[in-house]
C-alpha atoms as a PDB file:
ATOM      1  CA  UNK A   1      -0.224  -0.208   0.006  1.00  0.00           C
ATOM      2  CA  UNK A   2       1.706   3.616  -0.613  1.00  0.00           C
ATOM      3  CA  UNK A   3       2.336   5.796   2.447  1.00  0.00           C
ATOM      4  CA  UNK A   4      -0.177   8.745   2.704  1.00  0.00           C
ATOM      5  CA  UNK A   5       1.012  11.505   4.645  1.00  0.00           C
ATOM      6  CA  UNK A   6      -1.613  14.149   6.498  1.00  0.00           C
ATOM      7  CA  UNK A   7      -0.971  17.666   5.640  1.00  0.00           C
ATOM      8  CA  UNK A   8      -2.955  20.495   6.830  1.00  0.00           C
ATOM      9  CA  UNK A   9      -6.250  18.445   6.656  1.00  0.00           C
ATOM     10  CA  UNK A  10      -4.923  16.508   3.580  1.00  0.00           C
ATOM     11  CA  UNK A  11      -4.065  13.039   2.748  1.00  0.00           C
ATOM     12  CA  UNK A  12      -1.052  13.150  -0.481  1.00  0.00           C
ATOM     13  CA  UNK A  13       1.037  10.598  -1.260  1.00  0.00           C
ATOM     14  CA  UNK A  14       4.630  10.195   0.402  1.00  0.00           C
ATOM     15  CA  UNK A  15       6.101  11.699  -3.096  1.00  0.00           C
ATOM     16  CA  UNK A  16       4.049  14.636  -3.433  1.00  0.00           C
ATOM     17  CA  UNK A  17       4.220  15.692   0.283  1.00  0.00           C
ATOM     18  CA  UNK A  18       5.579  19.463   0.141  1.00  0.00           C
ATOM     19  CA  UNK A  19       6.766  21.728   2.778  1.00  0.00           C
ATOM     20  CA  UNK A  20       7.110  25.241   1.712  1.00  0.00           C
ATOM     21  CA  UNK A  21      10.845  26.201   1.681  1.00  0.00           C
ATOM     22  CA  UNK A  22       9.944  29.685   3.388  1.00  0.00           C
ATOM     23  CA  UNK A  23       8.446  28.020   6.152  1.00  0.00           C
ATOM     24  CA  UNK A  24      10.420  28.660   9.836  1.00  0.00           C
ATOM     25  CA  UNK A  25      10.173  24.965  10.484  1.00  0.00           C
ATOM     26  CA  UNK A  26      12.311  24.791   7.707  1.00  0.00           C
ATOM     27  CA  UNK A  27      14.359  27.822   7.735  1.00  0.00           C
ATOM     28  CA  UNK A  28      14.967  27.870  11.803  1.00  0.00           C
ATOM     29  CA  UNK A  29      13.288  24.722  13.488  1.00  0.00           C
ATOM     30  CA  UNK A  30      10.397  26.741  14.515  1.00  0.00           C
ATOM     31  CA  UNK A  31       8.203  24.228  15.924  1.00  0.00           C
ATOM     32  CA  UNK A  32       6.907  21.363  17.941  1.00  0.00           C
ATOM     33  CA  UNK A  33       6.693  17.792  17.426  1.00  0.00           C
ATOM     34  CA  UNK A  34       5.772  14.544  18.851  1.00  0.00           C
ATOM     35  CA  UNK A  35       6.514  11.000  18.404  1.00  0.00           C
ATOM     36  CA  UNK A  36       3.759   8.385  19.610  1.00  0.00           C
ATOM     37  CA  UNK A  37       3.228   4.301  19.236  1.00  0.00           C
ATOM     38  CA  UNK A  38       0.096   2.426  17.841  1.00  0.00           C
ATOM     39  CA  UNK A  39      -0.215  -1.099  19.338  1.00  0.00           C
ATOM     40  CA  UNK A  40      -2.821  -3.226  18.159  1.00  0.00           C
ATOM     41  CA  UNK A  41      -4.845  -0.610  16.685  1.00  0.00           C
ATOM     42  CA  UNK A  42      -5.210   1.358  19.754  1.00  0.00           C
ATOM     43  CA  UNK A  43      -3.027   4.787  20.187  1.00  0.00           C
ATOM     44  CA  UNK A  44      -0.837   4.377  23.204  1.00  0.00           C
ATOM     45  CA  UNK A  45      -1.298   7.448  25.787  1.00  0.00           C
ATOM     46  CA  UNK A  46      -2.693   9.380  23.332  1.00  0.00           C
ATOM     47  CA  UNK A  47      -3.921  12.171  25.761  1.00  0.00           C
ATOM     48  CA  UNK A  48      -0.657  12.095  27.707  1.00  0.00           C
ATOM     49  CA  UNK A  49       1.250  12.668  24.164  1.00  0.00           C
ATOM     50  CA  UNK A  50      -1.194  15.664  22.421  1.00  0.00           C
ATOM     51  CA  UNK A  51      -1.521  17.297  25.958  1.00  0.00           C
ATOM     52  CA  UNK A  52       2.786  17.462  25.544  1.00  0.00           C
ATOM     53  CA  UNK A  53       2.559  18.697  21.978  1.00  0.00           C
ATOM     54  CA  UNK A  54      -0.238  21.548  23.414  1.00  0.00           C
ATOM     55  CA  UNK A  55       2.131  22.112  26.107  1.00  0.00           C
ATOM     56  CA  UNK A  56       5.319  22.815  23.904  1.00  0.00           C
ATOM     57  CA  UNK A  57       3.529  24.667  21.177  1.00  0.00           C
ATOM     58  CA  UNK A  58       2.481  26.939  24.342  1.00  0.00           C
ATOM     59  CA  UNK A  59       5.573  27.300  25.435  1.00  0.00           C
ATOM     60  CA  UNK A  60       7.134  28.637  22.166  1.00  0.00           C
ATOM     61  CA  UNK A  61       3.497  30.924  21.499  1.00  0.00           C
ATOM     62  CA  UNK A  62       2.658  28.489  18.616  1.00  0.00           C
ATOM     63  CA  UNK A  63      -1.393  28.854  18.251  1.00  0.00           C
ATOM     64  CA  UNK A  64      -2.195  25.159  17.457  1.00  0.00           C
ATOM     65  CA  UNK A  65      -4.759  25.624  14.451  1.00  0.00           C
ATOM     66  CA  UNK A  66      -6.382  22.366  15.691  1.00  0.00           C
ATOM     67  CA  UNK A  67      -8.273  21.086  19.144  1.00  0.00           C
ATOM     68  CA  UNK A  68      -6.755  18.161  20.597  1.00  0.00           C
ATOM     69  CA  UNK A  69     -10.218  16.184  19.094  1.00  0.00           C
ATOM     70  CA  UNK A  70      -9.483  17.625  15.711  1.00  0.00           C
ATOM     71  CA  UNK A  71      -5.979  15.937  15.761  1.00  0.00           C
ATOM     72  CA  UNK A  72      -6.915  12.474  17.623  1.00  0.00           C
ATOM     73  CA  UNK A  73      -9.422  12.182  14.580  1.00  0.00           C
ATOM     74  CA  UNK A  74      -6.747  13.801  11.980  1.00  0.00           C
ATOM     75  CA  UNK A  75      -4.644  10.574  12.869  1.00  0.00           C
ATOM     76  CA  UNK A  76      -7.221   8.177  13.297  1.00  0.00           C
ATOM     77  CA  UNK A  77      -8.081   9.365   9.746  1.00  0.00           C
ATOM     78  CA  UNK A  78      -4.039   8.889   8.784  1.00  0.00           C
ATOM     79  CA  UNK A  79      -3.790   5.488  10.155  1.00  0.00           C
ATOM     80  CA  UNK A  80      -6.775   4.076   8.731  1.00  0.00           C
ATOM     81  CA  UNK A  81      -5.859   5.275   5.544  1.00  0.00           C
ATOM     82  CA  UNK A  82      -2.564   3.181   5.616  1.00  0.00           C
ATOM     83  CA  UNK A  83      -3.907   0.259   6.925  1.00  0.00           C
ATOM     84  CA  UNK A  84      -2.246   0.610  10.033  1.00  0.00           C
ATOM     85  CA  UNK A  85      -2.546  -1.471  13.097  1.00  0.00           C
ATOM     86  CA  UNK A  86       1.142  -1.240  14.599  1.00  0.00           C
ATOM     87  CA  UNK A  87       3.049   2.001  13.620  1.00  0.00           C
ATOM     88  CA  UNK A  88       4.961   4.898  15.226  1.00  0.00           C
ATOM     89  CA  UNK A  89       3.254   8.452  14.335  1.00  0.00           C
ATOM     90  CA  UNK A  90       5.177  11.439  14.022  1.00  0.00           C
ATOM     91  CA  UNK A  91       3.291  15.266  14.467  1.00  0.00           C
ATOM     92  CA  UNK A  92       4.594  18.376  13.551  1.00  0.00           C
ATOM     93  CA  UNK A  93       3.412  21.770  14.245  1.00  0.00           C
ATOM     94  CA  UNK A  94       5.804  23.942  12.375  1.00  0.00           C
ATOM     95  CA  UNK A  95       5.358  28.261  12.778  1.00  0.00           C
ATOM     96  CA  UNK A  96       4.194  28.507   9.056  1.00  0.00           C
ATOM     97  CA  UNK A  97       5.664  30.298   6.248  1.00  0.00           C
ATOM     98  CA  UNK A  98       6.913  33.648   6.287  1.00  0.00           C
ATOM     99  CA  UNK A  99       9.657  35.990   5.779  1.00  0.00           C
ATOM    100  CA  UNK A 100      13.209  35.192   5.977  1.00  0.00           C
ATOM    101  CA  UNK A 101      14.333  36.118   9.316  1.00  0.00           C
ATOM    102  CA  UNK A 102      13.840  35.201  12.475  1.00  0.00           C
ATOM    103  CA  UNK A 103      10.899  36.922  13.914  1.00  0.00           C
ATOM    104  CA  UNK A 104       8.335  34.972  13.734  1.00  0.00           C
ATOM    105  CA  UNK A 105       5.605  37.851  13.554  1.00  0.00           C
ATOM    106  CA  UNK A 106       5.053  37.905  10.090  1.00  0.00           C
ATOM    107  CA  UNK A 107       4.391  33.962   9.958  1.00  0.00           C
ATOM    108  CA  UNK A 108       0.225  33.688   9.915  1.00  0.00           C
ATOM    109  CA  UNK A 109      -0.707  30.072   9.675  1.00  0.00           C
ATOM    110  CA  UNK A 110       0.889  26.980  11.357  1.00  0.00           C
ATOM    111  CA  UNK A 111       1.113  24.063   9.534  1.00  0.00           C
ATOM    112  CA  UNK A 112       0.500  20.335  10.827  1.00  0.00           C
ATOM    113  CA  UNK A 113       1.509  17.313   9.584  1.00  0.00           C
ATOM    114  CA  UNK A 114       1.044  13.315  10.373  1.00  0.00           C
ATOM    115  CA  UNK A 115       3.387  10.645   9.265  1.00  0.00           C
ATOM    116  CA  UNK A 116       2.418   7.289  10.512  1.00  0.00           C
ATOM    117  CA  UNK A 117       5.006   4.528   9.597  1.00  0.00           C
ATOM    118  CA  UNK A 118       7.226   1.279  10.950  1.00  0.00           C
ATOM    119  CA  UNK A 119       9.999   2.123  12.867  1.00  0.00           C
ATOM    120  CA  UNK A 120      12.939   0.139  14.189  1.00  0.00           C
ATOM    121  CA  UNK A 121      14.887   2.559  16.227  1.00  0.00           C
ATOM    122  CA  UNK A 122      17.604  -0.001  17.699  1.00  0.00           C
ATOM    123  CA  UNK A 123      18.273  -3.309  15.759  1.00  0.00           C
ATOM    124  CA  UNK A 124      16.117  -5.989  17.547  1.00  0.00           C
ATOM    125  CA  UNK A 125      19.229  -7.861  18.969  1.00  0.00           C
ATOM    126  CA  UNK A 126      20.119  -4.806  21.089  1.00  0.00           C
ATOM    127  CA  UNK A 127      17.035  -5.787  23.375  1.00  0.00           C
ATOM    128  CA  UNK A 128      18.634  -9.344  24.490  1.00  0.00           C
ATOM    129  CA  UNK A 129      22.557  -8.834  24.259  1.00  0.00           C
ATOM    130  CA  UNK A 130      22.517  -4.855  25.367  1.00  0.00           C
ATOM    131  CA  UNK A 131      24.037  -2.130  24.295  1.00  0.00           C
ATOM    132  CA  UNK A 132      26.398   0.175  24.282  1.00  0.00           C
ATOM    133  CA  UNK A 133      27.159   3.794  24.978  1.00  0.00           C
ATOM    134  CA  UNK A 134      29.004   6.508  25.042  1.00  0.00           C
ATOM    135  CA  UNK A 135      29.270   9.638  28.026  1.00  0.00           C
ATOM    136  CA  UNK A 136      28.754  12.732  25.123  1.00  0.00           C
ATOM    137  CA  UNK A 137      31.404  15.762  25.331  1.00  0.00           C
ATOM    138  CA  UNK A 138      28.575  17.525  24.313  1.00  0.00           C
ATOM    139  CA  UNK A 139      26.349  18.881  27.354  1.00  0.00           C
ATOM    140  CA  UNK A 140      22.301  19.444  27.257  1.00  0.00           C
ATOM    141  CA  UNK A 141      20.664  22.468  26.446  1.00  0.00           C
ATOM    142  CA  UNK A 142      20.228  24.225  30.013  1.00  0.00           C
ATOM    143  CA  UNK A 143      16.607  24.397  30.748  1.00  0.00           C
ATOM    144  CA  UNK A 144      17.302  28.028  31.176  1.00  0.00           C
ATOM    145  CA  UNK A 145      18.426  28.672  27.470  1.00  0.00           C
ATOM    146  CA  UNK A 146      15.456  26.679  25.916  1.00  0.00           C
ATOM    147  CA  UNK A 147      12.925  24.376  28.012  1.00  0.00           C
ATOM    148  CA  UNK A 148      13.889  20.851  27.867  1.00  0.00           C
ATOM    149  CA  UNK A 149      10.350  19.670  28.057  1.00  0.00           C
ATOM    150  CA  UNK A 150       9.338  21.808  24.650  1.00  0.00           C
ATOM    151  CA  UNK A 151       9.625  18.919  21.781  1.00  0.00           C
ATOM    152  CA  UNK A 152      11.295  21.529  19.874  1.00  0.00           C
ATOM    153  CA  UNK A 153      11.787  20.530  15.812  1.00  0.00           C
ATOM    154  CA  UNK A 154      15.244  22.549  16.499  1.00  0.00           C
ATOM    155  CA  UNK A 155      17.872  19.159  17.629  1.00  0.00           C
ATOM    156  CA  UNK A 156      20.833  20.259  17.028  1.00  0.00           C
ATOM    157  CA  UNK A 157      22.449  19.694  20.067  1.00  0.00           C
ATOM    158  CA  UNK A 158      21.254  16.055  20.199  1.00  0.00           C
ATOM    159  CA  UNK A 159      22.389  15.698  16.778  1.00  0.00           C
ATOM    160  CA  UNK A 160      25.832  16.850  17.696  1.00  0.00           C
ATOM    161  CA  UNK A 161      26.288  14.388  20.490  1.00  0.00           C
ATOM    162  CA  UNK A 162      24.131  11.283  18.117  1.00  0.00           C
ATOM    163  CA  UNK A 163      27.445  12.499  16.135  1.00  0.00           C
ATOM    164  CA  UNK A 164      29.910  11.414  18.542  1.00  0.00           C
ATOM    165  CA  UNK A 165      28.037   7.938  18.968  1.00  0.00           C
ATOM    166  CA  UNK A 166      28.310   7.446  15.804  1.00  0.00           C
ATOM    167  CA  UNK A 167      31.979   8.259  15.316  1.00  0.00           C
ATOM    168  CA  UNK A 168      32.552   6.029  18.641  1.00  0.00           C
ATOM    169  CA  UNK A 169      30.577   3.412  16.899  1.00  0.00           C
ATOM    170  CA  UNK A 170      28.291   2.504  19.647  1.00  0.00           C
ATOM    171  CA  UNK A 171      23.876   3.471  19.351  1.00  0.00           C
ATOM    172  CA  UNK A 172      23.827   5.788  21.892  1.00  0.00           C
ATOM    173  CA  UNK A 173      25.145   9.126  23.972  1.00  0.00           C
ATOM    174  CA  UNK A 174      24.740   9.974  27.092  1.00  0.00           C
ATOM    175  CA  UNK A 175      24.521  13.331  27.575  1.00  0.00           C
ATOM    176  CA  UNK A 176      25.006  15.771  31.135  1.00  0.00           C
ATOM    177  CA  UNK A 177      23.521  19.267  31.667  1.00  0.00           C
ATOM    178  CA  UNK A 178      25.892  22.069  32.379  1.00  0.00           C
ATOM    179  CA  UNK A 179      25.890  20.812  36.240  1.00  0.00           C
ATOM    180  CA  UNK A 180      28.063  17.557  35.115  1.00  0.00           C
ATOM    181  CA  UNK A 181      24.864  15.583  35.971  1.00  0.00           C
ATOM    182  CA  UNK A 182      23.514  12.233  33.711  1.00  0.00           C
ATOM    183  CA  UNK A 183      20.295  13.719  31.807  1.00  0.00           C
ATOM    184  CA  UNK A 184      18.960  11.810  29.025  1.00  0.00           C
ATOM    185  CA  UNK A 185      20.516  10.026  25.726  1.00  0.00           C
ATOM    186  CA  UNK A 186      19.992  11.959  22.344  1.00  0.00           C
ATOM    187  CA  UNK A 187      16.560  10.758  22.011  1.00  0.00           C
ATOM    188  CA  UNK A 188      15.583   8.546  25.108  1.00  0.00           C
ATOM    189  CA  UNK A 189      15.773   8.778  28.556  1.00  0.00           C
ATOM    190  CA  UNK A 190      17.901   7.038  31.177  1.00  0.00           C
ATOM    191  CA  UNK A 191      17.635   4.940  34.228  1.00  0.00           C
ATOM    192  CA  UNK A 192      20.369   2.597  36.326  1.00  0.00           C
ATOM    193  CA  UNK A 193      19.403   0.110  38.894  1.00  0.00           C
ATOM    194  CA  UNK A 194      21.722  -0.006  41.991  1.00  0.00           C
ATOM    195  CA  UNK A 195      21.346  -2.027  44.895  1.00  0.00           C
ATOM    196  CA  UNK A 196      17.893  -3.355  43.850  1.00  0.00           C
ATOM    197  CA  UNK A 197      16.451   0.545  43.592  1.00  0.00           C
ATOM    198  CA  UNK A 198      15.537   2.255  40.324  1.00  0.00           C
ATOM    199  CA  UNK A 199      16.934   5.711  39.679  1.00  0.00           C
ATOM    200  CA  UNK A 200      16.578   8.070  37.121  1.00  0.00           C
ATOM    201  CA  UNK A 201      17.323  11.615  36.862  1.00  0.00           C
ATOM    202  CA  UNK A 202      14.937  14.699  38.388  1.00  0.00           C
ATOM    203  CA  UNK A 203      12.496  15.824  36.044  1.00  0.00           C
ATOM    204  CA  UNK A 204      14.392  19.496  37.095  1.00  0.00           C
ATOM    205  CA  UNK A 205      17.347  18.127  35.717  1.00  0.00           C
ATOM    206  CA  UNK A 206      17.168  19.337  31.664  1.00  0.00           C
ATOM    207  CA  UNK A 207      15.434  16.446  30.306  1.00  0.00           C
ATOM    208  CA  UNK A 208      12.657  16.115  28.186  1.00  0.00           C
ATOM    209  CA  UNK A 209       9.863  14.150  30.492  1.00  0.00           C
ATOM    210  CA  UNK A 210       9.343  10.943  28.862  1.00  0.00           C
ATOM    211  CA  UNK A 211       5.925   9.776  28.543  1.00  0.00           C
ATOM    212  CA  UNK A 212       7.552   5.836  28.444  1.00  0.00           C
ATOM    213  CA  UNK A 213       9.543   6.761  31.179  1.00  0.00           C
ATOM    214  CA  UNK A 214       6.304   7.559  33.487  1.00  0.00           C
ATOM    215  CA  UNK A 215       4.817   4.448  32.500  1.00  0.00           C
ATOM    216  CA  UNK A 216       8.060   2.391  33.351  1.00  0.00           C
ATOM    217  CA  UNK A 217       8.142   4.490  36.861  1.00  0.00           C
ATOM    218  CA  UNK A 218       4.414   3.345  37.407  1.00  0.00           C
ATOM    219  CA  UNK A 219       5.217  -0.305  36.621  1.00  0.00           C
ATOM    220  CA  UNK A 220       8.079  -0.414  38.626  1.00  0.00           C
ATOM    221  CA  UNK A 221       6.172   0.544  41.370  1.00  0.00           C
ATOM    222  CA  UNK A 222       3.169  -1.504  41.015  1.00  0.00           C
ATOM    223  CA  UNK A 223       6.071  -4.219  40.635  1.00  0.00           C
ATOM    224  CA  UNK A 224       7.236  -3.362  44.427  1.00  0.00           C
ATOM    225  CA  UNK A 225      10.755  -1.867  42.793  1.00  0.00           C
ATOM    226  CA  UNK A 226      11.415   1.603  44.877  1.00  0.00           C
ATOM    227  CA  UNK A 227      12.009   4.353  42.329  1.00  0.00           C
ATOM    228  CA  UNK A 228      14.258   7.456  43.337  1.00  0.00           C
ATOM    229  CA  UNK A 229      14.319  10.439  40.845  1.00  0.00           C
ATOM    230  CA  UNK A 230      17.786  11.771  42.517  1.00  0.00           C
ATOM    231  CA  UNK A 231      21.253  13.337  40.430  1.00  0.00           C
ATOM    232  CA  UNK A 232      23.225  10.765  38.832  1.00  0.00           C
ATOM    233  CA  UNK A 233      26.807  11.569  38.465  1.00  0.00           C
ATOM    234  CA  UNK A 234      29.100   9.701  35.606  1.00  0.00           C
ATOM    235  CA  UNK A 235      30.476   7.746  38.140  1.00  0.00           C
ATOM    236  CA  UNK A 236      27.334   6.498  39.629  1.00  0.00           C
ATOM    237  CA  UNK A 237      26.251   5.338  35.552  1.00  0.00           C
ATOM    238  CA  UNK A 238      29.899   3.399  35.686  1.00  0.00           C
ATOM    239  CA  UNK A 239      29.449   1.774  38.820  1.00  0.00           C
ATOM    240  CA  UNK A 240      25.690   0.875  38.204  1.00  0.00           C
ATOM    241  CA  UNK A 241      24.233  -3.028  38.594  1.00  0.00           C
ATOM    242  CA  UNK A 242      22.072  -2.321  35.758  1.00  0.00           C
ATOM    243  CA  UNK A 243      21.169   0.024  33.063  1.00  0.00           C
ATOM    244  CA  UNK A 244      18.248   0.642  30.726  1.00  0.00           C
ATOM    245  CA  UNK A 245      16.844   3.382  28.184  1.00  0.00           C
ATOM    246  CA  UNK A 246      13.195   4.375  27.741  1.00  0.00           C
ATOM    247  CA  UNK A 247      11.095   6.230  24.507  1.00  0.00           C
ATOM    248  CA  UNK A 248       8.488   5.731  22.592  1.00  0.00           C
ATOM    249  CA  UNK A 249      10.504   4.352  19.927  1.00  0.00           C
ATOM    250  CA  UNK A 250      13.017   2.527  21.710  1.00  0.00           C
ATOM    251  CA  UNK A 251      10.546   1.236  24.560  1.00  0.00           C
ATOM    252  CA  UNK A 252      13.159  -0.094  27.325  1.00  0.00           C
ATOM    253  CA  UNK A 253      16.691  -1.123  25.938  1.00  0.00           C
ATOM    254  CA  UNK A 254      18.991  -2.293  27.825  1.00  0.00           C
ATOM    255  CA  UNK A 255      22.474  -1.045  28.149  1.00  0.00           C
ATOM    256  CA  UNK A 256      25.478  -3.173  28.828  1.00  0.00           C
ATOM    257  CA  UNK A 257      28.744  -0.986  28.316  1.00  0.00           C
ATOM    258  CA  UNK A 258      29.074   2.309  28.835  1.00  0.00           C
ATOM    259  CA  UNK A 259      32.730   3.952  27.571  1.00  0.00           C
ATOM    260  CA  UNK A 260      33.756   0.742  27.458  1.00  0.00           C
ATOM    261  CA  UNK A 261      33.182  -0.440  30.379  1.00  0.00           C
ATOM    262  CA  UNK A 262      30.680  -3.064  31.382  1.00  0.00           C
ATOM    263  CA  UNK A 263      27.860  -2.821  33.242  1.00  0.00           C
ATOM    264  CA  UNK A 264      26.134  -5.312  34.847  1.00  0.00           C
ATOM    265  CA  UNK A 265      28.947  -7.886  33.995  1.00  0.00           C
ATOM    266  CA  UNK A 266      28.210  -7.162  30.751  1.00  0.00           C
ATOM    267  CA  UNK A 267      24.423  -8.705  30.767  1.00  0.00           C
ATOM    268  CA  UNK A 268      21.212  -7.810  30.454  1.00  0.00           C
ATOM    269  CA  UNK A 269      19.751  -7.693  34.353  1.00  0.00           C
ATOM    270  CA  UNK A 270      17.191  -9.350  36.471  1.00  0.00           C
ATOM    271  CA  UNK A 271      14.964  -5.501  36.979  1.00  0.00           C
ATOM    272  CA  UNK A 272      15.729  -4.633  32.938  1.00  0.00           C
ATOM    273  CA  UNK A 273      14.509  -7.406  32.129  1.00  0.00           C
ATOM    274  CA  UNK A 274      11.276  -7.424  34.384  1.00  0.00           C
ATOM    275  CA  UNK A 275      10.391  -3.997  33.402  1.00  0.00           C
ATOM    276  CA  UNK A 276      10.865  -4.500  29.297  1.00  0.00           C
ATOM    277  CA  UNK A 277       8.533  -7.344  29.865  1.00  0.00           C
ATOM    278  CA  UNK A 278       6.099  -5.538  31.681  1.00  0.00           C
ATOM    279  CA  UNK A 279       5.950  -2.696  29.421  1.00  0.00           C
ATOM    280  CA  UNK A 280       5.435  -5.117  26.289  1.00  0.00           C
ATOM    281  CA  UNK A 281       2.495  -6.683  28.380  1.00  0.00           C
ATOM    282  CA  UNK A 282       1.263  -3.038  29.047  1.00  0.00           C
ATOM    283  CA  UNK A 283       1.463  -1.307  26.312  1.00  0.00           C
ATOM    284  CA  UNK A 284       0.589  -3.993  23.635  1.00  0.00           C
ATOM    285  CA  UNK A 285      -2.446  -5.916  26.049  1.00  0.00           C
ATOM    286  CA  UNK A 286      -3.244  -4.069  29.090  1.00  0.00           C
ATOM    287  CA  UNK A 287      -3.485  -0.744  27.716  1.00  0.00           C
ATOM    288  CA  UNK A 288      -5.422  -1.677  24.345  1.00  0.00           C
ATOM    289  CA  UNK A 289      -7.773  -3.430  26.529  1.00  0.00           C
ATOM    290  CA  UNK A 290      -8.467  -0.661  29.260  1.00  0.00           C
ATOM    291  CA  UNK A 291      -8.204   2.667  26.831  1.00  0.00           C
ATOM    292  CA  UNK A 292     -11.466   1.376  25.041  1.00  0.00           C
ATOM    293  CA  UNK A 293     -13.514   2.437  28.308  1.00  0.00           C
ATOM    294  CA  UNK A 294     -11.378   4.554  30.348  1.00  0.00           C
ATOM    295  CA  UNK A 295      -9.446   6.667  27.377  1.00  0.00           C
ATOM    296  CA  UNK A 296      -6.229   6.400  25.994  1.00  0.00           C
ATOM    297  CA  UNK A 297      -4.773   8.049  28.268  1.00  0.00           C
ATOM    298  CA  UNK A 298      -5.469   6.084  30.737  1.00  0.00           C
ATOM    299  CA  UNK A 299      -2.712   5.566  33.786  1.00  0.00           C
ATOM    300  CA  UNK A 300      -2.072   1.577  34.955  1.00  0.00           C
ATOM    301  CA  UNK A 301      -5.400   0.161  36.253  1.00  0.00           C
ATOM    302  CA  UNK A 302      -5.461  -1.273  39.826  1.00  0.00           C
ATOM    303  CA  UNK A 303      -7.901  -4.214  38.430  1.00  0.00           C
ATOM    304  CA  UNK A 304      -4.792  -5.179  36.374  1.00  0.00           C
ATOM    305  CA  UNK A 305      -2.147  -4.505  39.503  1.00  0.00           C
ATOM    306  CA  UNK A 306      -1.986  -8.799  40.721  1.00  0.00           C
ATOM    307  CA  UNK A 307      -1.407  -9.130  36.678  1.00  0.00           C
ATOM    308  CA  UNK A 308       1.562  -6.600  36.752  1.00  0.00           C
ATOM    309  CA  UNK A 309       3.614  -8.278  39.575  1.00  0.00           C
ATOM    310  CA  UNK A 310       2.652 -11.662  38.214  1.00  0.00           C
ATOM    311  CA  UNK A 311       4.582 -10.967  34.797  1.00  0.00           C
ATOM    312  CA  UNK A 312       7.652  -8.726  37.118  1.00  0.00           C
END
């Protein structure tokens, strides 16, 4: 089936999808986006993602030309037109067409694009054997310069760190904030396990508040795993018993090496394994069932807590 892209209310063939060269999203990275997963014909945590999209747009003073309900309907139309049941959805809202110059004042009409397709962020074997990462020299843009919670089209900071990973021959690079603490990787959040506790950087440490990150924290708490949000140093990371990354495209992926130093003896750890399995069940089974009755943004439902404990 030929892929169709939704652009400003119309479905067009992939080869016909066009963006005006004077769009400030192209010229200056002036816009926001969201990455969302579809499992078993259900859009995962849809309302959470749409709220984050709206919050990002509000933070950069971008007036979204559609309501959340209209965007939801447009996503459903795009998925149906492409015959997709399990996919990755990319929502983009740009500032729109305007004159040359960074001022957004001349941009009269924002533009919205919806792309739905398959995705494989990392090779499948890494979920079994674990991935190698490095600690990047490139630091995360401080929130005082650009709020980390804004999922902006301007990803150059992350791209430069990704280049470091590519040049080192690994899949990912973890970035530090301006205080020297571990914050996140180029497109995913990070967790470590130490003495049975699950640790992740605090919300105010220049990180994107990942929706998959939030789900994993919920699942860990349901499973009786103690979770703490605290500053993590590079030394803490290297001394971790386990490490894993979370993201919409990545889901939960184990890390077994940092800067060529083995983590957990170079094997996927038990806490990582149980949370990978719990997330897989929740995203593909539990969420798909409960969202039919309680909304696609539903949290982990209490009725399924015993099931999750057993699986974990």
